[in-house]
Amino acid sequence: VERCLLNVINRLKFPPCAGGGQADVSYPWIFSQGG
């Protein structure tokens, strides 16, 4: 599941960073049972 999540993230496209820089992101994903 972790590899799958990274594969999805790697395909995402974001708006260009202001000033041509880069953005370091740390994002939590919470997985829980449906129901």
PDB file of all heavy atoms in Angstrom:
ATOM      1  N   VAL A   1       0.841  -1.196   0.000  1.00  0.00           N
ATOM      2  CA  VAL A   1       0.000   0.000   0.000  1.00  0.00           C
ATOM      3  C   VAL A   1       0.877   1.249   0.000  1.00  0.00           C
ATOM      4  O   VAL A   1       0.585   2.222  -0.707  1.00  0.00           O
ATOM      5  CB  VAL A   1      -0.969   0.002   1.203  1.00  0.00           C
ATOM      6  CG1 VAL A   1      -1.716   1.320   1.300  1.00  0.00           C
ATOM      7  CG2 VAL A   1      -1.945  -1.159   1.101  1.00  0.00           C
ATOM      8  N   GLU A   2       1.964   1.227   0.731  1.00  0.00           N
ATOM      9  CA  GLU A   2       2.872   2.370   0.772  1.00  0.00           C
ATOM     10  C   GLU A   2       3.475   2.636  -0.602  1.00  0.00           C
ATOM     11  O   GLU A   2       3.547   3.783  -1.052  1.00  0.00           O
ATOM     12  CB  GLU A   2       3.947   2.151   1.827  1.00  0.00           C
ATOM     13  CG  GLU A   2       3.376   2.139   3.235  1.00  0.00           C
ATOM     14  CD  GLU A   2       4.310   1.559   4.278  1.00  0.00           C
ATOM     15  OE1 GLU A   2       5.469   1.204   3.928  1.00  0.00           O
ATOM     16  OE2 GLU A   2       3.896   1.456   5.441  1.00  0.00           O
ATOM     17  N   ARG A   3       3.896   1.586  -1.307  1.00  0.00           N
ATOM     18  CA  ARG A   3       4.432   1.743  -2.667  1.00  0.00           C
ATOM     19  C   ARG A   3       3.363   2.281  -3.614  1.00  0.00           C
ATOM     20  O   ARG A   3       3.633   3.140  -4.455  1.00  0.00           O
ATOM     21  CB  ARG A   3       4.961   0.404  -3.199  1.00  0.00           C
ATOM     22  CG  ARG A   3       6.392   0.115  -2.830  1.00  0.00           C
ATOM     23  CD  ARG A   3       6.959  -1.051  -3.620  1.00  0.00           C
ATOM     24  NE  ARG A   3       6.178  -2.270  -3.528  1.00  0.00           N
ATOM     25  CZ  ARG A   3       6.285  -3.189  -2.573  1.00  0.00           C
ATOM     26  NH1 ARG A   3       7.160  -3.018  -1.609  1.00  0.00           N
ATOM     27  NH2 ARG A   3       5.543  -4.265  -2.579  1.00  0.00           N
ATOM     28  N   CYS A   4       2.150   1.779  -3.484  1.00  0.00           N
ATOM     29  CA  CYS A   4       1.044   2.252  -4.315  1.00  0.00           C
ATOM     30  C   CYS A   4       0.805   3.742  -4.089  1.00  0.00           C
ATOM     31  O   CYS A   4       0.618   4.504  -5.052  1.00  0.00           O
ATOM     32  CB  CYS A   4      -0.215   1.439  -4.015  1.00  0.00           C
ATOM     33  SG  CYS A   4      -1.632   1.910  -5.011  1.00  0.00           S
ATOM     34  N   LEU A   5       0.810   4.166  -2.840  1.00  0.00           N
ATOM     35  CA  LEU A   5       0.622   5.574  -2.517  1.00  0.00           C
ATOM     36  C   LEU A   5       1.712   6.431  -3.163  1.00  0.00           C
ATOM     37  O   LEU A   5       1.435   7.474  -3.769  1.00  0.00           O
ATOM     38  CB  LEU A   5       0.602   5.778  -1.001  1.00  0.00           C
ATOM     39  CG  LEU A   5       0.461   7.205  -0.501  1.00  0.00           C
ATOM     40  CD1 LEU A   5      -0.847   7.834  -0.969  1.00  0.00           C
ATOM     41  CD2 LEU A   5       0.550   7.243   1.010  1.00  0.00           C
ATOM     42  N   LEU A   6       2.963   5.978  -3.085  1.00  0.00           N
ATOM     43  CA  LEU A   6       4.064   6.727  -3.696  1.00  0.00           C
ATOM     44  C   LEU A   6       3.925   6.777  -5.211  1.00  0.00           C
ATOM     45  O   LEU A   6       4.216   7.809  -5.830  1.00  0.00           O
ATOM     46  CB  LEU A   6       5.411   6.126  -3.303  1.00  0.00           C
ATOM     47  CG  LEU A   6       5.809   6.291  -1.837  1.00  0.00           C
ATOM     48  CD1 LEU A   6       7.153   5.614  -1.574  1.00  0.00           C
ATOM     49  CD2 LEU A   6       5.843   7.747  -1.415  1.00  0.00           C
ATOM     50  N   ASN A   7       3.464   5.695  -5.824  1.00  0.00           N
ATOM     51  CA  ASN A   7       3.251   5.687  -7.278  1.00  0.00           C
ATOM     52  C   ASN A   7       2.214   6.732  -7.681  1.00  0.00           C
ATOM     53  O   ASN A   7       2.372   7.415  -8.690  1.00  0.00           O
ATOM     54  CB  ASN A   7       2.824   4.304  -7.759  1.00  0.00           C
ATOM     55  CG  ASN A   7       3.959   3.313  -7.763  1.00  0.00           C
ATOM     56  OD1 ASN A   7       5.126   3.677  -7.847  1.00  0.00           O
ATOM     57  ND2 ASN A   7       3.627   2.036  -7.670  1.00  0.00           N
ATOM     58  N   VAL A   8       1.160   6.857  -6.900  1.00  0.00           N
ATOM     59  CA  VAL A   8       0.129   7.866  -7.186  1.00  0.00           C
ATOM     60  C   VAL A   8       0.703   9.269  -7.004  1.00  0.00           C
ATOM     61  O   VAL A   8       0.514  10.150  -7.854  1.00  0.00           O
ATOM     62  CB  VAL A   8      -1.113   7.650  -6.290  1.00  0.00           C
ATOM     63  CG1 VAL A   8      -2.073   8.818  -6.405  1.00  0.00           C
ATOM     64  CG2 VAL A   8      -1.810   6.350  -6.645  1.00  0.00           C
ATOM     65  N   ILE A   9       1.413   9.495  -5.912  1.00  0.00           N
ATOM     66  CA  ILE A   9       2.002  10.816  -5.650  1.00  0.00           C
ATOM     67  C   ILE A   9       2.946  11.211  -6.780  1.00  0.00           C
ATOM     68  O   ILE A   9       2.937  12.356  -7.236  1.00  0.00           O
ATOM     69  CB  ILE A   9       2.726  10.826  -4.286  1.00  0.00           C
ATOM     70  CG1 ILE A   9       1.701  10.748  -3.158  1.00  0.00           C
ATOM     71  CG2 ILE A   9       3.611  12.059  -4.137  1.00  0.00           C
ATOM     72  CD1 ILE A   9       2.297  10.496  -1.793  1.00  0.00           C
ATOM     73  N   ASN A  10       3.749  10.268  -7.254  1.00  0.00           N
ATOM     74  CA  ASN A  10       4.724  10.572  -8.305  1.00  0.00           C
ATOM     75  C   ASN A  10       4.063  10.997  -9.615  1.00  0.00           C
ATOM     76  O   ASN A  10       4.694  11.675 -10.428  1.00  0.00           O
ATOM     77  CB  ASN A  10       5.632   9.372  -8.548  1.00  0.00           C
ATOM     78  CG  ASN A  10       6.611   9.165  -7.416  1.00  0.00           C
ATOM     79  OD1 ASN A  10       6.984  10.102  -6.724  1.00  0.00           O
ATOM     80  ND2 ASN A  10       7.017   7.932  -7.209  1.00  0.00           N
ATOM     81  N   ARG A  11       2.817  10.634  -9.820  1.00  0.00           N
ATOM     82  CA  ARG A  11       2.099  11.010 -11.048  1.00  0.00           C
ATOM     83  C   ARG A  11       1.310  12.308 -10.906  1.00  0.00           C
ATOM     84  O   ARG A  11       0.759  12.806 -11.885  1.00  0.00           O
ATOM     85  CB  ARG A  11       1.151   9.880 -11.461  1.00  0.00           C
ATOM     86  CG  ARG A  11       1.877   8.638 -11.946  1.00  0.00           C
ATOM     87  CD  ARG A  11       0.940   7.653 -12.609  1.00  0.00           C
ATOM     88  NE  ARG A  11      -0.218   7.298 -11.808  1.00  0.00           N
ATOM     89  CZ  ARG A  11      -0.349   6.196 -11.072  1.00  0.00           C
ATOM     90  NH1 ARG A  11       0.631   5.327 -11.013  1.00  0.00           N
ATOM     91  NH2 ARG A  11      -1.454   5.967 -10.401  1.00  0.00           N
ATOM     92  N   LEU A  12       1.236  12.854  -9.702  1.00  0.00           N
ATOM     93  CA  LEU A  12       0.472  14.087  -9.495  1.00  0.00           C
ATOM     94  C   LEU A  12       1.171  15.271 -10.158  1.00  0.00           C
ATOM     95  O   LEU A  12       2.393  15.305 -10.280  1.00  0.00           O
ATOM     96  CB  LEU A  12       0.311  14.370  -8.002  1.00  0.00           C
ATOM     97  CG  LEU A  12      -0.543  13.385  -7.211  1.00  0.00           C
ATOM     98  CD1 LEU A  12      -0.516  13.748  -5.729  1.00  0.00           C
ATOM     99  CD2 LEU A  12      -1.972  13.357  -7.734  1.00  0.00           C
ATOM    100  N   LYS A  13       0.376  16.234 -10.575  1.00  0.00           N
ATOM    101  CA  LYS A  13       0.897  17.469 -11.154  1.00  0.00           C
ATOM    102  C   LYS A  13       0.315  18.624 -10.358  1.00  0.00           C
ATOM    103  O   LYS A  13      -0.895  18.715 -10.173  1.00  0.00           O
ATOM    104  CB  LYS A  13       0.488  17.550 -12.623  1.00  0.00           C
ATOM    105  CG  LYS A  13       1.038  18.720 -13.342  1.00  0.00           C
ATOM    106  CD  LYS A  13       2.491  18.537 -13.668  1.00  0.00           C
ATOM    107  CE  LYS A  13       2.916  19.664 -14.615  1.00  0.00           C
ATOM    108  NZ  LYS A  13       4.322  19.689 -14.821  1.00  0.00           N
ATOM    109  N   PHE A  14       1.168  19.490  -9.862  1.00  0.00           N
ATOM    110  CA  PHE A  14       0.783  20.629  -9.053  1.00  0.00           C
ATOM    111  C   PHE A  14       1.017  21.918  -9.848  1.00  0.00           C
ATOM    112  O   PHE A  14       1.757  21.911 -10.836  1.00  0.00           O
ATOM    113  CB  PHE A  14       1.597  20.663  -7.759  1.00  0.00           C
ATOM    114  CG  PHE A  14       1.329  19.493  -6.855  1.00  0.00           C
ATOM    115  CD1 PHE A  14       2.063  18.319  -6.966  1.00  0.00           C
ATOM    116  CD2 PHE A  14       0.339  19.563  -5.896  1.00  0.00           C
ATOM    117  CE1 PHE A  14       1.815  17.240  -6.139  1.00  0.00           C
ATOM    118  CE2 PHE A  14       0.080  18.490  -5.054  1.00  0.00           C
ATOM    119  CZ  PHE A  14       0.821  17.320  -5.181  1.00  0.00           C
ATOM    120  N   PRO A  15       0.439  23.023  -9.411  1.00  0.00           N
ATOM    121  CA  PRO A  15       0.769  24.302 -10.053  1.00  0.00           C
ATOM    122  C   PRO A  15       2.265  24.571  -9.890  1.00  0.00           C
ATOM    123  O   PRO A  15       2.873  24.164  -8.897  1.00  0.00           O
ATOM    124  CB  PRO A  15      -0.054  25.324  -9.261  1.00  0.00           C
ATOM    125  CG  PRO A  15      -1.147  24.543  -8.617  1.00  0.00           C
ATOM    126  CD  PRO A  15      -0.574  23.186  -8.351  1.00  0.00           C
ATOM    127  N   PRO A  16       2.865  25.240 -10.859  1.00  0.00           N
ATOM    128  CA  PRO A  16       4.297  25.567 -10.737  1.00  0.00           C
ATOM    129  C   PRO A  16       4.569  26.367  -9.467  1.00  0.00           C
ATOM    130  O   PRO A  16       3.748  27.160  -9.022  1.00  0.00           O
ATOM    131  CB  PRO A  16       4.574  26.416 -11.985  1.00  0.00           C
ATOM    132  CG  PRO A  16       3.511  26.026 -12.952  1.00  0.00           C
ATOM    133  CD  PRO A  16       2.301  25.711 -12.124  1.00  0.00           C
ATOM    134  N   CYS A  17       5.728  26.147  -8.889  1.00  0.00           N
ATOM    135  CA  CYS A  17       6.118  26.863  -7.681  1.00  0.00           C
ATOM    136  C   CYS A  17       6.436  28.318  -8.032  1.00  0.00           C
ATOM    137  O   CYS A  17       7.056  28.603  -9.064  1.00  0.00           O
ATOM    138  CB  CYS A  17       7.343  26.213  -7.045  1.00  0.00           C
ATOM    139  SG  CYS A  17       6.990  24.594  -6.349  1.00  0.00           S
ATOM    140  N   ALA A  18       6.001  29.202  -7.177  1.00  0.00           N
ATOM    141  CA  ALA A  18       6.247  30.630  -7.383  1.00  0.00           C
ATOM    142  C   ALA A  18       7.747  30.896  -7.407  1.00  0.00           C
ATOM    143  O   ALA A  18       8.496  30.356  -6.595  1.00  0.00           O
ATOM    144  CB  ALA A  18       5.580  31.438  -6.283  1.00  0.00           C
ATOM    145  N   GLY A  19       8.178  31.692  -8.341  1.00  0.00           N
ATOM    146  CA  GLY A  19       9.584  32.059  -8.419  1.00  0.00           C
ATOM    147  C   GLY A  19      10.478  30.957  -8.947  1.00  0.00           C
ATOM    148  O   GLY A  19      11.693  31.074  -8.895  1.00  0.00           O
ATOM    149  N   GLY A  20       9.885  29.856  -9.417  1.00  0.00           N
ATOM    150  CA  GLY A  20      10.682  28.766  -9.980  1.00  0.00           C
ATOM    151  C   GLY A  20      11.370  27.891  -8.954  1.00  0.00           C
ATOM    152  O   GLY A  20      12.252  27.123  -9.291  1.00  0.00           O
ATOM    153  N   GLY A  21      10.976  27.997  -7.705  1.00  0.00           N
ATOM    154  CA  GLY A  21      11.613  27.188  -6.660  1.00  0.00           C
ATOM    155  C   GLY A  21      11.001  25.805  -6.547  1.00  0.00           C
ATOM    156  O   GLY A  21      10.395  25.291  -7.480  1.00  0.00           O
ATOM    157  N   GLN A  22      11.143  25.213  -5.393  1.00  0.00           N
ATOM    158  CA  GLN A  22      10.556  23.912  -5.123  1.00  0.00           C
ATOM    159  C   GLN A  22       9.885  23.941  -3.769  1.00  0.00           C
ATOM    160  O   GLN A  22      10.176  24.794  -2.938  1.00  0.00           O
ATOM    161  CB  GLN A  22      11.596  22.799  -5.189  1.00  0.00           C
ATOM    162  CG  GLN A  22      12.645  22.838  -4.097  1.00  0.00           C
ATOM    163  CD  GLN A  22      13.671  21.729  -4.277  1.00  0.00           C
ATOM    164  OE1 GLN A  22      13.997  21.347  -5.384  1.00  0.00           O
ATOM    165  NE2 GLN A  22      14.179  21.216  -3.178  1.00  0.00           N
ATOM    166  N   ALA A  23       8.973  22.994  -3.568  1.00  0.00           N
ATOM    167  CA  ALA A  23       8.246  22.918  -2.302  1.00  0.00           C
ATOM    168  C   ALA A  23       8.482  21.553  -1.675  1.00  0.00           C
ATOM    169  O   ALA A  23       8.310  20.526  -2.334  1.00  0.00           O
ATOM    170  CB  ALA A  23       6.750  23.140  -2.529  1.00  0.00           C
ATOM    171  N   ASP A  24       8.896  21.538  -0.421  1.00  0.00           N
ATOM    172  CA  ASP A  24       9.051  20.302   0.344  1.00  0.00           C
ATOM    173  C   ASP A  24       7.747  20.065   1.100  1.00  0.00           C
ATOM    174  O   ASP A  24       7.305  20.929   1.869  1.00  0.00           O
ATOM    175  CB  ASP A  24      10.210  20.413   1.331  1.00  0.00           C
ATOM    176  CG  ASP A  24      11.541  20.607   0.626  1.00  0.00           C
ATOM    177  OD1 ASP A  24      11.691  20.156  -0.517  1.00  0.00           O
ATOM    178  OD2 ASP A  24      12.444  21.220   1.231  1.00  0.00           O
ATOM    179  N   VAL A  25       7.146  18.906   0.886  1.00  0.00           N
ATOM    180  CA  VAL A  25       5.833  18.606   1.454  1.00  0.00           C
ATOM    181  C   VAL A  25       5.918  17.368   2.337  1.00  0.00           C
ATOM    182  O   VAL A  25       6.569  16.376   1.989  1.00  0.00           O
ATOM    183  CB  VAL A  25       4.801  18.347   0.322  1.00  0.00           C
ATOM    184  CG1 VAL A  25       3.441  18.032   0.894  1.00  0.00           C
ATOM    185  CG2 VAL A  25       4.737  19.541  -0.623  1.00  0.00           C
ATOM    186  N   SER A  26       5.253  17.426   3.469  1.00  0.00           N
ATOM    187  CA  SER A  26       5.070  16.274   4.342  1.00  0.00           C
ATOM    188  C   SER A  26       3.566  16.185   4.588  1.00  0.00           C
ATOM    189  O   SER A  26       2.982  17.094   5.197  1.00  0.00           O
ATOM    190  CB  SER A  26       5.828  16.470   5.653  1.00  0.00           C
ATOM    191  OG  SER A  26       5.632  15.363   6.496  1.00  0.00           O
ATOM    192  N   TYR A  27       2.942  15.112   4.088  1.00  0.00           N
ATOM    193  CA  TYR A  27       1.481  15.031   4.132  1.00  0.00           C
ATOM    194  C   TYR A  27       1.041  13.716   4.766  1.00  0.00           C
ATOM    195  O   TYR A  27       1.423  12.642   4.307  1.00  0.00           O
ATOM    196  CB  TYR A  27       0.911  15.150   2.716  1.00  0.00           C
ATOM    197  CG  TYR A  27      -0.578  15.382   2.718  1.00  0.00           C
ATOM    198  CD1 TYR A  27      -1.090  16.669   2.831  1.00  0.00           C
ATOM    199  CD2 TYR A  27      -1.471  14.322   2.638  1.00  0.00           C
ATOM    200  CE1 TYR A  27      -2.446  16.898   2.846  1.00  0.00           C
ATOM    201  CE2 TYR A  27      -2.824  14.536   2.652  1.00  0.00           C
ATOM    202  CZ  TYR A  27      -3.318  15.824   2.759  1.00  0.00           C
ATOM    203  OH  TYR A  27      -4.653  16.042   2.775  1.00  0.00           O
ATOM    204  N   PRO A  28       0.227  13.782   5.811  1.00  0.00           N
ATOM    205  CA  PRO A  28      -0.266  12.552   6.451  1.00  0.00           C
ATOM    206  C   PRO A  28      -1.524  12.019   5.762  1.00  0.00           C
ATOM    207  O   PRO A  28      -2.430  12.784   5.404  1.00  0.00           O
ATOM    208  CB  PRO A  28      -0.587  13.009   7.874  1.00  0.00           C
ATOM    209  CG  PRO A  28      -0.979  14.444   7.708  1.00  0.00           C
ATOM    210  CD  PRO A  28      -0.145  14.968   6.561  1.00  0.00           C
ATOM    211  N   TRP A  29      -1.575  10.737   5.550  1.00  0.00           N
ATOM    212  CA  TRP A  29      -2.735  10.056   4.997  1.00  0.00           C
ATOM    213  C   TRP A  29      -3.250   9.098   6.073  1.00  0.00           C
ATOM    214  O   TRP A  29      -2.481   8.295   6.622  1.00  0.00           O
ATOM    215  CB  TRP A  29      -2.358   9.246   3.760  1.00  0.00           C
ATOM    216  CG  TRP A  29      -1.755  10.065   2.660  1.00  0.00           C
ATOM    217  CD1 TRP A  29      -0.475  10.503   2.595  1.00  0.00           C
ATOM    218  CD2 TRP A  29      -2.406  10.551   1.495  1.00  0.00           C
ATOM    219  NE1 TRP A  29      -0.282  11.234   1.449  1.00  0.00           N
ATOM    220  CE2 TRP A  29      -1.462  11.266   0.758  1.00  0.00           C
ATOM    221  CE3 TRP A  29      -3.702  10.434   1.005  1.00  0.00           C
ATOM    222  CZ2 TRP A  29      -1.762  11.877  -0.447  1.00  0.00           C
ATOM    223  CZ3 TRP A  29      -3.991  11.030  -0.202  1.00  0.00           C
ATOM    224  CH2 TRP A  29      -3.047  11.753  -0.908  1.00  0.00           C
ATOM    225  N   ILE A  30      -4.513   9.198   6.398  1.00  0.00           N
ATOM    226  CA  ILE A  30      -5.123   8.346   7.413  1.00  0.00           C
ATOM    227  C   ILE A  30      -6.015   7.312   6.718  1.00  0.00           C
ATOM    228  O   ILE A  30      -6.930   7.678   5.991  1.00  0.00           O
ATOM    229  CB  ILE A  30      -5.979   9.157   8.420  1.00  0.00           C
ATOM    230  CG1 ILE A  30      -5.172  10.321   8.999  1.00  0.00           C
ATOM    231  CG2 ILE A  30      -6.542   8.247   9.501  1.00  0.00           C
ATOM    232  CD1 ILE A  30      -3.991   9.932   9.841  1.00  0.00           C
ATOM    233  N   PHE A  31      -5.723   6.057   6.943  1.00  0.00           N
ATOM    234  CA  PHE A  31      -6.508   4.967   6.364  1.00  0.00           C
ATOM    235  C   PHE A  31      -7.297   4.308   7.500  1.00  0.00           C
ATOM    236  O   PHE A  31      -6.742   3.995   8.554  1.00  0.00           O
ATOM    237  CB  PHE A  31      -5.602   3.927   5.706  1.00  0.00           C
ATOM    238  CG  PHE A  31      -4.870   4.470   4.508  1.00  0.00           C
ATOM    239  CD1 PHE A  31      -3.633   5.065   4.645  1.00  0.00           C
ATOM    240  CD2 PHE A  31      -5.434   4.388   3.251  1.00  0.00           C
ATOM    241  CE1 PHE A  31      -2.951   5.570   3.547  1.00  0.00           C
ATOM    242  CE2 PHE A  31      -4.765   4.891   2.134  1.00  0.00           C
ATOM    243  CZ  PHE A  31      -3.523   5.471   2.288  1.00  0.00           C
ATOM    244  N   SER A  32      -8.604   4.126   7.259  1.00  0.00           N
ATOM    245  CA  SER A  32      -9.437   3.471   8.269  1.00  0.00           C
ATOM    246  C   SER A  32     -10.503   2.640   7.563  1.00  0.00           C
ATOM    247  O   SER A  32     -10.750   2.797   6.369  1.00  0.00           O
ATOM    248  CB  SER A  32     -10.087   4.502   9.192  1.00  0.00           C
ATOM    249  OG  SER A  32     -10.939   5.357   8.460  1.00  0.00           O
ATOM    250  N   GLN A  33     -11.132   1.778   8.338  1.00  0.00           N
ATOM    251  CA  GLN A  33     -12.165   0.909   7.799  1.00  0.00           C
ATOM    252  C   GLN A  33     -13.358   1.729   7.354  1.00  0.00           C
ATOM    253  O   GLN A  33     -13.730   2.708   7.998  1.00  0.00           O
ATOM    254  CB  GLN A  33     -12.632  -0.077   8.866  1.00  0.00           C
ATOM    255  CG  GLN A  33     -11.541  -1.016   9.319  1.00  0.00           C
ATOM    256  CD  GLN A  33     -12.052  -1.925  10.423  1.00  0.00           C
ATOM    257  OE1 GLN A  33     -13.186  -2.362  10.388  1.00  0.00           O
ATOM    258  NE2 GLN A  33     -11.194  -2.216  11.367  1.00  0.00           N
ATOM    259  N   GLY A  34     -13.960   1.330   6.241  1.00  0.00           N
ATOM    260  CA  GLY A  34     -15.187   1.971   5.780  1.00  0.00           C
ATOM    261  C   GLY A  34     -16.377   1.384   6.520  1.00  0.00           C
ATOM    262  O   GLY A  34     -16.279   0.413   7.256  1.00  0.00           O
ATOM    263  N   GLY A  35     -17.492   1.968   6.315  1.00  0.00           N
ATOM    264  CA  GLY A  35     -18.670   1.372   6.939  1.00  0.00           C
ATOM    265  C   GLY A  35     -19.644   2.361   7.236  1.00  0.00           C
ATOM    266  O   GLY A  35     -20.536   2.721   7.652  1.00  0.00           O
TER     267      GLY A  35
END
